[in-house]
Amino acid sequence: MSSFPLRVFTPEGPVVDSEVESLVVTAFTGSLGVLAGHAPMISAVVVGPGKVVSSTGTQWYVFGEGTLEVRGPDVVLLIDFAEKAENYEAAKAQTAQALLPE
């Protein structure tokens, strides 16, 4: 499968900086997926589960609010926070916790 460079940044620093095969984030209208060769775009991202697939495996996250930019082969995700999760179900549970009022 083709890959593309993904960089994910939070205010605390970089979270991901590697070649990946796909990225899934949560946008206002639902899940948004990116594969190699995706058309250029900018999208708002909301708190929700995220998935990064690379040649070494799949990593689940809970991504905070931010912006996703696809420009040429490069994909950059600028978000408030990123927390690793064990799987999709754990990412959903962590998302629910992140959305609780303080």
PDB file of N, CA and C in Angstrom:
ATOM      1  N   MET A   1       0.841  -1.175   0.000  1.00  0.00           N
ATOM      2  CA  MET A   1       0.000   0.000   0.000  1.00  0.00           C
ATOM      3  C   MET A   1       0.887   1.239   0.000  1.00  0.00           C
ATOM      4  N   SER A   2       0.457   2.287  -0.672  1.00  0.00           N
ATOM      5  CA  SER A   2       1.206   3.550  -0.725  1.00  0.00           C
ATOM      6  C   SER A   2       1.181   4.237   0.630  1.00  0.00           C
ATOM      7  N   SER A   3       2.202   5.045   0.865  1.00  0.00           N
ATOM      8  CA  SER A   3       2.272   5.750   2.142  1.00  0.00           C
ATOM      9  C   SER A   3       2.477   7.245   1.891  1.00  0.00           C
ATOM     10  N   PHE A   4       2.341   8.008   2.972  1.00  0.00           N
ATOM     11  CA  PHE A   4       2.531   9.450   2.915  1.00  0.00           C
ATOM     12  C   PHE A   4       3.084   9.917   4.258  1.00  0.00           C
ATOM     13  N   PRO A   5       3.773  11.072   4.272  1.00  0.00           N
ATOM     14  CA  PRO A   5       4.302  11.584   5.537  1.00  0.00           C
ATOM     15  C   PRO A   5       3.201  12.246   6.372  1.00  0.00           C
ATOM     16  N   LEU A   6       3.090  11.820   7.613  1.00  0.00           N
ATOM     17  CA  LEU A   6       2.111  12.384   8.543  1.00  0.00           C
ATOM     18  C   LEU A   6       2.857  13.006   9.710  1.00  0.00           C
ATOM     19  N   ARG A   7       2.447  14.231  10.051  1.00  0.00           N
ATOM     20  CA  ARG A   7       2.979  14.893  11.230  1.00  0.00           C
ATOM     21  C   ARG A   7       1.797  15.350  12.074  1.00  0.00           C
ATOM     22  N   VAL A   8       1.784  14.926  13.330  1.00  0.00           N
ATOM     23  CA  VAL A   8       0.726  15.303  14.272  1.00  0.00           C
ATOM     24  C   VAL A   8       1.390  16.087  15.398  1.00  0.00           C
ATOM     25  N   PHE A   9       0.884  17.308  15.630  1.00  0.00           N
ATOM     26  CA  PHE A   9       1.444  18.179  16.653  1.00  0.00           C
ATOM     27  C   PHE A   9       0.378  18.593  17.661  1.00  0.00           C
ATOM     28  N   THR A  10       0.775  18.644  18.933  1.00  0.00           N
ATOM     29  CA  THR A  10      -0.037  19.203  20.005  1.00  0.00           C
ATOM     30  C   THR A  10       0.778  20.346  20.622  1.00  0.00           C
ATOM     31  N   PRO A  11       0.191  21.134  21.516  1.00  0.00           N
ATOM     32  CA  PRO A  11       0.985  22.178  22.178  1.00  0.00           C
ATOM     33  C   PRO A  11       2.182  21.618  22.956  1.00  0.00           C
ATOM     34  N   GLU A  12       2.114  20.357  23.347  1.00  0.00           N
ATOM     35  CA  GLU A  12       3.222  19.730  24.079  1.00  0.00           C
ATOM     36  C   GLU A  12       4.334  19.255  23.164  1.00  0.00           C
ATOM     37  N   GLY A  13       4.089  19.220  21.851  1.00  0.00           N
ATOM     38  CA  GLY A  13       5.116  18.781  20.913  1.00  0.00           C
ATOM     39  C   GLY A  13       4.588  17.760  19.922  1.00  0.00           C
ATOM     40  N   PRO A  14       5.491  17.192  19.108  1.00  0.00           N
ATOM     41  CA  PRO A  14       5.073  16.228  18.091  1.00  0.00           C
ATOM     42  C   PRO A  14       4.613  14.908  18.704  1.00  0.00           C
ATOM     43  N   VAL A  15       3.574  14.328  18.086  1.00  0.00           N
ATOM     44  CA  VAL A  15       3.033  13.042  18.525  1.00  0.00           C
ATOM     45  C   VAL A  15       3.370  11.963  17.496  1.00  0.00           C
ATOM     46  N   VAL A  16       3.212  12.294  16.230  1.00  0.00           N
ATOM     47  CA  VAL A  16       3.526  11.378  15.133  1.00  0.00           C
ATOM     48  C   VAL A  16       4.333  12.152  14.104  1.00  0.00           C
ATOM     49  N   ASP A  17       5.389  11.530  13.599  1.00  0.00           N
ATOM     50  CA  ASP A  17       6.187  12.096  12.506  1.00  0.00           C
ATOM     51  C   ASP A  17       6.772  10.919  11.745  1.00  0.00           C
ATOM     52  N   SER A  18       5.941  10.329  10.861  1.00  0.00           N
ATOM     53  CA  SER A  18       6.385   9.130  10.164  1.00  0.00           C
ATOM     54  C   SER A  18       5.581   8.904   8.887  1.00  0.00           C
ATOM     55  N   GLU A  19       6.005   7.918   8.125  1.00  0.00           N
ATOM     56  CA  GLU A  19       5.288   7.490   6.926  1.00  0.00           C
ATOM     57  C   GLU A  19       4.149   6.580   7.362  1.00  0.00           C
ATOM     58  N   VAL A  20       2.945   6.872   6.896  1.00  0.00           N
ATOM     59  CA  VAL A  20       1.781   6.065   7.247  1.00  0.00           C
ATOM     60  C   VAL A  20       1.012   5.691   5.990  1.00  0.00           C
ATOM     61  N   GLU A  21       0.144   4.708   6.111  1.00  0.00           N
ATOM     62  CA  GLU A  21      -0.673   4.256   4.995  1.00  0.00           C
ATOM     63  C   GLU A  21      -2.055   4.890   4.989  1.00  0.00           C
ATOM     64  N   SER A  22      -2.563   5.214   6.185  1.00  0.00           N
ATOM     65  CA  SER A  22      -3.865   5.878   6.262  1.00  0.00           C
ATOM     66  C   SER A  22      -4.016   6.597   7.599  1.00  0.00           C
ATOM     67  N   LEU A  23      -4.933   7.562   7.580  1.00  0.00           N
ATOM     68  CA  LEU A  23      -5.272   8.334   8.772  1.00  0.00           C
ATOM     69  C   LEU A  23      -6.777   8.499   8.793  1.00  0.00           C
ATOM     70  N   VAL A  24      -7.381   8.317   9.962  1.00  0.00           N
ATOM     71  CA  VAL A  24      -8.807   8.581  10.151  1.00  0.00           C
ATOM     72  C   VAL A  24      -8.934   9.501  11.348  1.00  0.00           C
ATOM     73  N   VAL A  25      -9.664  10.611  11.162  1.00  0.00           N
ATOM     74  CA  VAL A  25      -9.925  11.572  12.237  1.00  0.00           C
ATOM     75  C   VAL A  25     -11.431  11.813  12.305  1.00  0.00           C
ATOM     76  N   THR A  26     -11.865  12.516  13.337  1.00  0.00           N
ATOM     77  CA  THR A  26     -13.274  12.856  13.483  1.00  0.00           C
ATOM     78  C   THR A  26     -13.457  14.323  13.105  1.00  0.00           C
ATOM     79  N   ALA A  27     -14.272  14.568  12.088  1.00  0.00           N
ATOM     80  CA  ALA A  27     -14.595  15.929  11.640  1.00  0.00           C
ATOM     81  C   ALA A  27     -16.021  16.254  12.091  1.00  0.00           C
ATOM     82  N   PHE A  28     -16.494  17.476  11.810  1.00  0.00           N
ATOM     83  CA  PHE A  28     -17.834  17.878  12.229  1.00  0.00           C
ATOM     84  C   PHE A  28     -18.924  16.975  11.671  1.00  0.00           C
ATOM     85  N   THR A  29     -18.732  16.475  10.467  1.00  0.00           N
ATOM     86  CA  THR A  29     -19.772  15.666   9.825  1.00  0.00           C
ATOM     87  C   THR A  29     -19.543  14.170   9.966  1.00  0.00           C
ATOM     88  N   GLY A  30     -18.526  13.757  10.728  1.00  0.00           N
ATOM     89  CA  GLY A  30     -18.257  12.338  10.915  1.00  0.00           C
ATOM     90  C   GLY A  30     -16.798  12.013  10.672  1.00  0.00           C
ATOM     91  N   SER A  31     -16.523  10.754  10.413  1.00  0.00           N
ATOM     92  CA  SER A  31     -15.148  10.314  10.189  1.00  0.00           C
ATOM     93  C   SER A  31     -14.629  10.814   8.852  1.00  0.00           C
ATOM     94  N   LEU A  32     -13.349  11.131   8.833  1.00  0.00           N
ATOM     95  CA  LEU A  32     -12.688  11.614   7.627  1.00  0.00           C
ATOM     96  C   LEU A  32     -11.407  10.805   7.468  1.00  0.00           C
ATOM     97  N   GLY A  33     -11.269  10.147   6.322  1.00  0.00           N
ATOM     98  CA  GLY A  33     -10.101   9.323   6.060  1.00  0.00           C
ATOM     99  C   GLY A  33      -9.193   9.934   5.019  1.00  0.00           C
ATOM    100  N   VAL A  34      -7.899   9.695   5.180  1.00  0.00           N
ATOM    101  CA  VAL A  34      -6.890  10.184   4.237  1.00  0.00           C
ATOM    102  C   VAL A  34      -6.013   9.008   3.827  1.00  0.00           C
ATOM    103  N   LEU A  35      -5.827   8.862   2.518  1.00  0.00           N
ATOM    104  CA  LEU A  35      -4.911   7.880   1.951  1.00  0.00           C
ATOM    105  C   LEU A  35      -3.889   8.621   1.107  1.00  0.00           C
ATOM    106  N   ALA A  36      -2.838   7.941   0.687  1.00  0.00           N
ATOM    107  CA  ALA A  36      -1.824   8.553  -0.177  1.00  0.00           C
ATOM    108  C   ALA A  36      -2.496   9.069  -1.442  1.00  0.00           C
ATOM    109  N   GLY A  37      -2.080  10.250  -1.893  1.00  0.00           N
ATOM    110  CA  GLY A  37      -2.636  10.836  -3.102  1.00  0.00           C
ATOM    111  C   GLY A  37      -3.938  11.583  -2.895  1.00  0.00           C
ATOM    112  N   HIS A  38      -4.338  11.799  -1.644  1.00  0.00           N
ATOM    113  CA  HIS A  38      -5.583  12.516  -1.349  1.00  0.00           C
ATOM    114  C   HIS A  38      -5.525  13.924  -1.931  1.00  0.00           C
ATOM    115  N   ALA A  39      -6.641  14.431  -2.374  1.00  0.00           N
ATOM    116  CA  ALA A  39      -6.728  15.798  -2.894  1.00  0.00           C
ATOM    117  C   ALA A  39      -6.386  16.794  -1.791  1.00  0.00           C
ATOM    118  N   PRO A  40      -5.781  17.916  -2.139  1.00  0.00           N
ATOM    119  CA  PRO A  40      -5.485  18.945  -1.137  1.00  0.00           C
ATOM    120  C   PRO A  40      -6.762  19.417  -0.441  1.00  0.00           C
ATOM    121  N   MET A  41      -6.660  19.641   0.863  1.00  0.00           N
ATOM    122  CA  MET A  41      -7.825  20.092   1.620  1.00  0.00           C
ATOM    123  C   MET A  41      -7.404  20.576   2.995  1.00  0.00           C
ATOM    124  N   ILE A  42      -8.306  21.324   3.618  1.00  0.00           N
ATOM    125  CA  ILE A  42      -8.173  21.727   5.011  1.00  0.00           C
ATOM    126  C   ILE A  42      -9.509  21.440   5.673  1.00  0.00           C
ATOM    127  N   SER A  43      -9.472  20.842   6.861  1.00  0.00           N
ATOM    128  CA  SER A  43     -10.709  20.510   7.560  1.00  0.00           C
ATOM    129  C   SER A  43     -10.538  20.750   9.051  1.00  0.00           C
ATOM    130  N   ALA A  44     -11.625  21.164   9.680  1.00  0.00           N
ATOM    131  CA  ALA A  44     -11.650  21.230  11.137  1.00  0.00           C
ATOM    132  C   ALA A  44     -11.791  19.815  11.680  1.00  0.00           C
ATOM    133  N   VAL A  45     -11.183  19.575  12.816  1.00  0.00           N
ATOM    134  CA  VAL A  45     -11.233  18.276  13.481  1.00  0.00           C
ATOM    135  C   VAL A  45     -11.846  18.504  14.856  1.00  0.00           C
ATOM    136  N   VAL A  46     -12.712  17.593  15.282  1.00  0.00           N
ATOM    137  CA  VAL A  46     -13.316  17.677  16.612  1.00  0.00           C
ATOM    138  C   VAL A  46     -12.801  16.533  17.476  1.00  0.00           C
ATOM    139  N   VAL A  47     -13.064  16.606  18.759  1.00  0.00           N
ATOM    140  CA  VAL A  47     -12.628  15.561  19.680  1.00  0.00           C
ATOM    141  C   VAL A  47     -13.273  14.241  19.270  1.00  0.00           C
ATOM    142  N   GLY A  48     -12.442  13.212  19.119  1.00  0.00           N
ATOM    143  CA  GLY A  48     -12.973  11.911  18.754  1.00  0.00           C
ATOM    144  C   GLY A  48     -11.875  10.908  18.475  1.00  0.00           C
ATOM    145  N   PRO A  49     -12.286   9.658  18.226  1.00  0.00           N
ATOM    146  CA  PRO A  49     -11.314   8.611  17.931  1.00  0.00           C
ATOM    147  C   PRO A  49     -10.545   8.908  16.647  1.00  0.00           C
ATOM    148  N   GLY A  50      -9.290   8.502  16.623  1.00  0.00           N
ATOM    149  CA  GLY A  50      -8.465   8.626  15.438  1.00  0.00           C
ATOM    150  C   GLY A  50      -7.663   7.353  15.249  1.00  0.00           C
ATOM    151  N   LYS A  51      -7.349   7.055  14.000  1.00  0.00           N
ATOM    152  CA  LYS A  51      -6.611   5.827  13.701  1.00  0.00           C
ATOM    153  C   LYS A  51      -5.477   6.154  12.735  1.00  0.00           C
ATOM    154  N   VAL A  52      -4.297   5.660  13.062  1.00  0.00           N
ATOM    155  CA  VAL A  52      -3.124   5.809  12.202  1.00  0.00           C
ATOM    156  C   VAL A  52      -2.652   4.402  11.851  1.00  0.00           C
ATOM    157  N   VAL A  53      -2.615   4.110  10.540  1.00  0.00           N
ATOM    158  CA  VAL A  53      -2.166   2.799  10.077  1.00  0.00           C
ATOM    159  C   VAL A  53      -0.841   2.973   9.356  1.00  0.00           C
ATOM    160  N   SER A  54       0.158   2.216   9.786  1.00  0.00           N
ATOM    161  CA  SER A  54       1.468   2.242   9.142  1.00  0.00           C
ATOM    162  C   SER A  54       1.894   0.805   8.855  1.00  0.00           C
ATOM    163  N   SER A  55       3.053   0.656   8.271  1.00  0.00           N
ATOM    164  CA  SER A  55       3.544  -0.682   7.949  1.00  0.00           C
ATOM    165  C   SER A  55       3.816  -1.502   9.208  1.00  0.00           C
ATOM    166  N   THR A  56       3.949  -0.836  10.343  1.00  0.00           N
ATOM    167  CA  THR A  56       4.215  -1.542  11.596  1.00  0.00           C
ATOM    168  C   THR A  56       2.946  -1.889  12.371  1.00  0.00           C
ATOM    169  N   GLY A  57       1.780  -1.416  11.906  1.00  0.00           N
ATOM    170  CA  GLY A  57       0.531  -1.749  12.578  1.00  0.00           C
ATOM    171  C   GLY A  57      -0.413  -0.567  12.693  1.00  0.00           C
ATOM    172  N   THR A  58      -1.451  -0.767  13.496  1.00  0.00           N
ATOM    173  CA  THR A  58      -2.484   0.251  13.693  1.00  0.00           C
ATOM    174  C   THR A  58      -2.366   0.823  15.095  1.00  0.00           C
ATOM    175  N   GLN A  59      -2.422   2.144  15.187  1.00  0.00           N
ATOM    176  CA  GLN A  59      -2.415   2.818  16.478  1.00  0.00           C
ATOM    177  C   GLN A  59      -3.676   3.659  16.604  1.00  0.00           C
ATOM    178  N   TRP A  60      -4.425   3.462  17.687  1.00  0.00           N
ATOM    179  CA  TRP A  60      -5.636   4.241  17.963  1.00  0.00           C
ATOM    180  C   TRP A  60      -5.296   5.390  18.893  1.00  0.00           C
ATOM    181  N   TYR A  61      -6.012   6.508  18.707  1.00  0.00           N
ATOM    182  CA  TYR A  61      -5.831   7.703  19.522  1.00  0.00           C
ATOM    183  C   TYR A  61      -7.188   8.315  19.822  1.00  0.00           C
ATOM    184  N   VAL A  62      -7.190   9.228  20.775  1.00  0.00           N
ATOM    185  CA  VAL A  62      -8.254  10.213  20.918  1.00  0.00           C
ATOM    186  C   VAL A  62      -7.586  11.527  20.560  1.00  0.00           C
ATOM    187  N   PHE A  63      -8.070  12.154  19.487  1.00  0.00           N
ATOM    188  CA  PHE A  63      -7.524  13.428  19.041  1.00  0.00           C
ATOM    189  C   PHE A  63      -8.415  14.552  19.527  1.00  0.00           C
ATOM    190  N   GLY A  64      -7.806  15.665  19.927  1.00  0.00           N
ATOM    191  CA  GLY A  64      -8.545  16.849  20.338  1.00  0.00           C
ATOM    192  C   GLY A  64      -8.944  17.692  19.141  1.00  0.00           C
ATOM    193  N   GLU A  65      -9.529  18.846  19.427  1.00  0.00           N
ATOM    194  CA  GLU A  65      -9.936  19.765  18.361  1.00  0.00           C
ATOM    195  C   GLU A  65      -8.715  20.334  17.667  1.00  0.00           C
ATOM    196  N   GLY A  66      -8.899  20.665  16.387  1.00  0.00           N
ATOM    197  CA  GLY A  66      -7.797  21.256  15.655  1.00  0.00           C
ATOM    198  C   GLY A  66      -8.065  21.332  14.167  1.00  0.00           C
ATOM    199  N   THR A  67      -6.990  21.248  13.401  1.00  0.00           N
ATOM    200  CA  THR A  67      -7.051  21.405  11.958  1.00  0.00           C
ATOM    201  C   THR A  67      -6.245  20.319  11.276  1.00  0.00           C
ATOM    202  N   LEU A  68      -6.807  19.777  10.203  1.00  0.00           N
ATOM    203  CA  LEU A  68      -6.129  18.801   9.356  1.00  0.00           C
ATOM    204  C   LEU A  68      -5.853  19.470   8.017  1.00  0.00           C
ATOM    205  N   GLU A  69      -4.601  19.387   7.558  1.00  0.00           N
ATOM    206  CA  GLU A  69      -4.257  19.936   6.250  1.00  0.00           C
ATOM    207  C   GLU A  69      -3.575  18.864   5.418  1.00  0.00           C
ATOM    208  N   VAL A  70      -4.103  18.655   4.210  1.00  0.00           N
ATOM    209  CA  VAL A  70      -3.488  17.765   3.227  1.00  0.00           C
ATOM    210  C   VAL A  70      -2.973  18.664   2.122  1.00  0.00           C
ATOM    211  N   ARG A  71      -1.643  18.658   1.937  1.00  0.00           N
ATOM    212  CA  ARG A  71      -1.045  19.521   0.921  1.00  0.00           C
ATOM    213  C   ARG A  71       0.040  18.710   0.220  1.00  0.00           C
ATOM    214  N   GLY A  72      -0.249  18.341  -1.041  1.00  0.00           N
ATOM    215  CA  GLY A  72       0.690  17.481  -1.765  1.00  0.00           C
ATOM    216  C   GLY A  72       0.755  16.147  -1.054  1.00  0.00           C
ATOM    217  N   PRO A  73       1.943  15.608  -0.916  1.00  0.00           N
ATOM    218  CA  PRO A  73       2.018  14.325  -0.207  1.00  0.00           C
ATOM    219  C   PRO A  73       1.976  14.483   1.308  1.00  0.00           C
ATOM    220  N   ASP A  74       2.160  15.720   1.807  1.00  0.00           N
ATOM    221  CA  ASP A  74       2.258  15.943   3.251  1.00  0.00           C
ATOM    222  C   ASP A  74       0.894  16.112   3.905  1.00  0.00           C
ATOM    223  N   VAL A  75       0.745  15.510   5.078  1.00  0.00           N
ATOM    224  CA  VAL A  75      -0.472  15.657   5.879  1.00  0.00           C
ATOM    225  C   VAL A  75      -0.046  16.128   7.267  1.00  0.00           C
ATOM    226  N   VAL A  76      -0.658  17.223   7.714  1.00  0.00           N
ATOM    227  CA  VAL A  76      -0.333  17.792   9.019  1.00  0.00           C
ATOM    228  C   VAL A  76      -1.615  17.914   9.829  1.00  0.00           C
ATOM    229  N   LEU A  77      -1.574  17.419  11.064  1.00  0.00           N
ATOM    230  CA  LEU A  77      -2.700  17.501  11.985  1.00  0.00           C
ATOM    231  C   LEU A  77      -2.245  18.319  13.187  1.00  0.00           C
ATOM    232  N   LEU A  78      -2.861  19.477  13.391  1.00  0.00           N
ATOM    233  CA  LEU A  78      -2.562  20.352  14.532  1.00  0.00           C
ATOM    234  C   LEU A  78      -3.743  20.266  15.488  1.00  0.00           C
ATOM    235  N   ILE A  79      -3.527  19.717  16.681  1.00  0.00           N
ATOM    236  CA  ILE A  79      -4.635  19.451  17.596  1.00  0.00           C
ATOM    237  C   ILE A  79      -4.294  19.846  19.032  1.00  0.00           C
ATOM    238  N   ASP A  80      -5.347  19.972  19.853  1.00  0.00           N
ATOM    239  CA  ASP A  80      -5.184  20.338  21.255  1.00  0.00           C
ATOM    240  C   ASP A  80      -4.469  19.263  22.069  1.00  0.00           C
ATOM    241  N   PHE A  81      -4.811  18.000  21.816  1.00  0.00           N
ATOM    242  CA  PHE A  81      -4.202  16.898  22.556  1.00  0.00           C
ATOM    243  C   PHE A  81      -4.320  15.608  21.750  1.00  0.00           C
ATOM    244  N   ALA A  82      -3.534  14.626  22.137  1.00  0.00           N
ATOM    245  CA  ALA A  82      -3.612  13.288  21.554  1.00  0.00           C
ATOM    246  C   ALA A  82      -3.294  12.283  22.655  1.00  0.00           C
ATOM    247  N   GLU A  83      -4.193  11.338  22.850  1.00  0.00           N
ATOM    248  CA  GLU A  83      -3.988  10.285  23.850  1.00  0.00           C
ATOM    249  C   GLU A  83      -4.047   8.944  23.140  1.00  0.00           C
ATOM    250  N   LYS A  84      -3.069   8.079  23.376  1.00  0.00           N
ATOM    251  CA  LYS A  84      -3.094   6.748  22.789  1.00  0.00           C
ATOM    252  C   LYS A  84      -4.194   5.922  23.426  1.00  0.00           C
ATOM    253  N   ALA A  85      -4.743   5.005  22.632  1.00  0.00           N
ATOM    254  CA  ALA A  85      -5.777   4.089  23.121  1.00  0.00           C
ATOM    255  C   ALA A  85      -5.427   2.674  22.649  1.00  0.00           C
ATOM    256  N   GLU A  86      -5.904   1.688  23.368  1.00  0.00           N
ATOM    257  CA  GLU A  86      -5.611   0.294  23.040  1.00  0.00           C
ATOM    258  C   GLU A  86      -6.313  -0.169  21.767  1.00  0.00           C
ATOM    259  N   ASN A  87      -7.564   0.292  21.563  1.00  0.00           N
ATOM    260  CA  ASN A  87      -8.356  -0.136  20.413  1.00  0.00           C
ATOM    261  C   ASN A  87      -9.487   0.879  20.200  1.00  0.00           C
ATOM    262  N   TYR A  88     -10.356   0.589  19.240  1.00  0.00           N
ATOM    263  CA  TYR A  88     -11.445   1.517  18.928  1.00  0.00           C
ATOM    264  C   TYR A  88     -12.381   1.720  20.116  1.00  0.00           C
ATOM    265  N   GLU A  89     -12.748   0.654  20.787  1.00  0.00           N
ATOM    266  CA  GLU A  89     -13.658   0.757  21.934  1.00  0.00           C
ATOM    267  C   GLU A  89     -13.048   1.616  23.039  1.00  0.00           C
ATOM    268  N   ALA A  90     -11.767   1.431  23.296  1.00  0.00           N
ATOM    269  CA  ALA A  90     -11.088   2.251  24.306  1.00  0.00           C
ATOM    270  C   ALA A  90     -11.034   3.710  23.870  1.00  0.00           C
ATOM    271  N   ALA A  91     -10.812   3.950  22.574  1.00  0.00           N
ATOM    272  CA  ALA A  91     -10.779   5.317  22.056  1.00  0.00           C
ATOM    273  C   ALA A  91     -12.145   5.984  22.221  1.00  0.00           C
ATOM    274  N   LYS A  92     -13.223   5.239  21.978  1.00  0.00           N
ATOM    275  CA  LYS A  92     -14.568   5.794  22.178  1.00  0.00           C
ATOM    276  C   LYS A  92     -14.802   6.132  23.648  1.00  0.00           C
ATOM    277  N   ALA A  93     -14.390   5.244  24.545  1.00  0.00           N
ATOM    278  CA  ALA A  93     -14.566   5.495  25.976  1.00  0.00           C
ATOM    279  C   ALA A  93     -13.749   6.705  26.432  1.00  0.00           C
ATOM    280  N   GLN A  94     -12.520   6.812  25.950  1.00  0.00           N
ATOM    281  CA  GLN A  94     -11.676   7.953  26.294  1.00  0.00           C
ATOM    282  C   GLN A  94     -12.239   9.247  25.710  1.00  0.00           C
ATOM    283  N   THR A  95     -12.869   9.161  24.535  1.00  0.00           N
ATOM    284  CA  THR A  95     -13.503  10.330  23.935  1.00  0.00           C
ATOM    285  C   THR A  95     -14.643  10.812  24.829  1.00  0.00           C
ATOM    286  N   ALA A  96     -15.456   9.881  25.313  1.00  0.00           N
ATOM    287  CA  ALA A  96     -16.577  10.242  26.190  1.00  0.00           C
ATOM    288  C   ALA A  96     -16.055  10.932  27.445  1.00  0.00           C
ATOM    289  N   GLN A  97     -14.946  10.442  27.995  1.00  0.00           N
ATOM    290  CA  GLN A  97     -14.348  11.071  29.182  1.00  0.00           C
ATOM    291  C   GLN A  97     -13.849  12.480  28.853  1.00  0.00           C
ATOM    292  N   ALA A  98     -13.226  12.633  27.680  1.00  0.00           N
ATOM    293  CA  ALA A  98     -12.684  13.940  27.296  1.00  0.00           C
ATOM    294  C   ALA A  98     -13.784  14.971  27.064  1.00  0.00           C
ATOM    295  N   LEU A  99     -14.980  14.517  26.702  1.00  0.00           N
ATOM    296  CA  LEU A  99     -16.074  15.419  26.426  1.00  0.00           C
ATOM    297  C   LEU A  99     -16.911  15.792  27.647  1.00  0.00           C
ATOM    298  N   LEU A 100     -16.628  15.159  28.801  1.00  0.00           N
ATOM    299  CA  LEU A 100     -17.353  15.497  30.016  1.00  0.00           C
ATOM    300  C   LEU A 100     -16.993  16.896  30.472  1.00  0.00           C
ATOM    301  N   PRO A 101     -17.989  17.655  30.948  1.00  0.00           N
ATOM    302  CA  PRO A 101     -17.677  18.996  31.454  1.00  0.00           C
ATOM    303  C   PRO A 101     -16.813  18.910  32.690  1.00  0.00           C
ATOM    304  N   GLU A 102     -15.950  19.884  32.839  1.00  0.00           N
ATOM    305  CA  GLU A 102     -15.044  19.888  34.013  1.00  0.00           C
ATOM    306  C   GLU A 102     -15.692  20.493  35.212  1.00  0.00           C
TER     307      GLU A 102
END
